[in-house]
């Protein structure tokens, strides 16, 4: 799968997901009640474009690293 196709799949997945991210550090919410001393969480679709881009950048980099090991 080409990187652009993979990116589009990630965007589609995240926009449909109910997973929530910290508004400040963008860490995925787990059982934690708060993160970074805060407790404000949003779904991927609710985050601003910069937040979405940051999450995608990390995931794409991880994917690139994984592919380079094959």
Protein backbone atom coordinates (compact mmCIF):
# COMPACT_ATOMS: atom_id res chain seq x y z
CA UNK A 1 0.00 0.00 0.00
CA UNK A 2 1.36 3.40 -0.94
CA UNK A 3 1.94 5.92 1.82
CA UNK A 4 -0.74 8.34 0.58
CA UNK A 5 -3.31 5.52 0.50
CA UNK A 6 -2.29 4.46 3.99
CA UNK A 7 -2.66 8.05 5.21
CA UNK A 8 -6.18 8.25 3.77
CA UNK A 9 -7.08 4.97 5.52
CA UNK A 10 -5.76 6.36 8.81
CA UNK A 11 -7.81 9.54 8.41
CA UNK A 12 -10.95 7.55 7.64
CA UNK A 13 -10.37 5.25 10.62
CA UNK A 14 -9.71 8.06 13.07
CA UNK A 15 -12.64 10.22 11.94
CA UNK A 16 -15.01 7.29 12.58
CA UNK A 17 -13.39 6.33 15.88
CA UNK A 18 -14.66 7.21 19.34
CA UNK A 19 -11.11 7.21 20.73
CA UNK A 20 -10.29 10.42 22.57
CA UNK A 21 -7.07 12.42 22.75
CA UNK A 22 -5.82 14.93 25.29
CA UNK A 23 -6.38 18.44 23.92
CA UNK A 24 -2.94 19.54 25.14
CA UNK A 25 -0.46 16.71 24.54
CA UNK A 26 -2.53 14.58 22.11
CA UNK A 27 -1.97 11.40 24.13
CA UNK A 28 -4.62 8.75 23.60
CA UNK A 29 -7.05 8.56 26.52
CA UNK A 30 -6.90 5.27 28.36
CA UNK A 31 -8.31 4.64 31.80
CA UNK A 32 -6.69 7.88 32.91
CA UNK A 33 -9.08 10.47 34.25
CA UNK A 34 -6.64 13.23 33.42
CA UNK A 35 -3.55 13.87 31.39
CA UNK A 36 -0.98 16.68 31.64
CA UNK A 37 -2.74 17.82 34.79
CA UNK A 38 -5.85 18.41 32.68
CA UNK A 39 -8.94 16.39 31.85
CA UNK A 40 -10.04 17.71 28.47
CA UNK A 41 -10.33 15.09 25.75
CA UNK A 42 -11.64 15.23 22.18
CA UNK A 43 -12.11 12.72 19.39
CA UNK A 44 -9.84 12.93 16.37
CA UNK A 45 -12.62 14.58 14.35
CA UNK A 46 -13.05 17.26 17.03
CA UNK A 47 -9.35 18.18 17.13
CA UNK A 48 -8.08 21.10 15.08
CA UNK A 49 -6.13 20.43 11.89
CA UNK A 50 -2.75 20.84 13.63
CA UNK A 51 -3.69 18.23 16.22
CA UNK A 52 -4.91 15.80 13.58
CA UNK A 53 -1.75 16.33 11.53
CA UNK A 54 0.45 15.68 14.57
CA UNK A 55 -1.28 12.38 15.33
CA UNK A 56 -1.06 11.29 11.70
CA UNK A 57 2.60 12.29 11.49
CA UNK A 58 3.49 10.05 14.44
CA UNK A 59 1.54 7.10 13.04
CA UNK A 60 2.99 7.50 9.55
CA UNK A 61 6.51 7.64 10.96
CA UNK A 62 5.89 4.47 12.97
CA UNK A 63 4.58 2.78 9.83
CA UNK A 64 7.64 3.86 7.82
CA UNK A 65 9.94 2.47 10.51
CA UNK A 66 8.01 -0.81 10.55
CA UNK A 67 8.17 -1.11 6.75
CA UNK A 68 11.91 -0.44 6.71
CA UNK A 69 12.45 -3.48 8.94
CA UNK A 70 10.72 -5.86 6.53
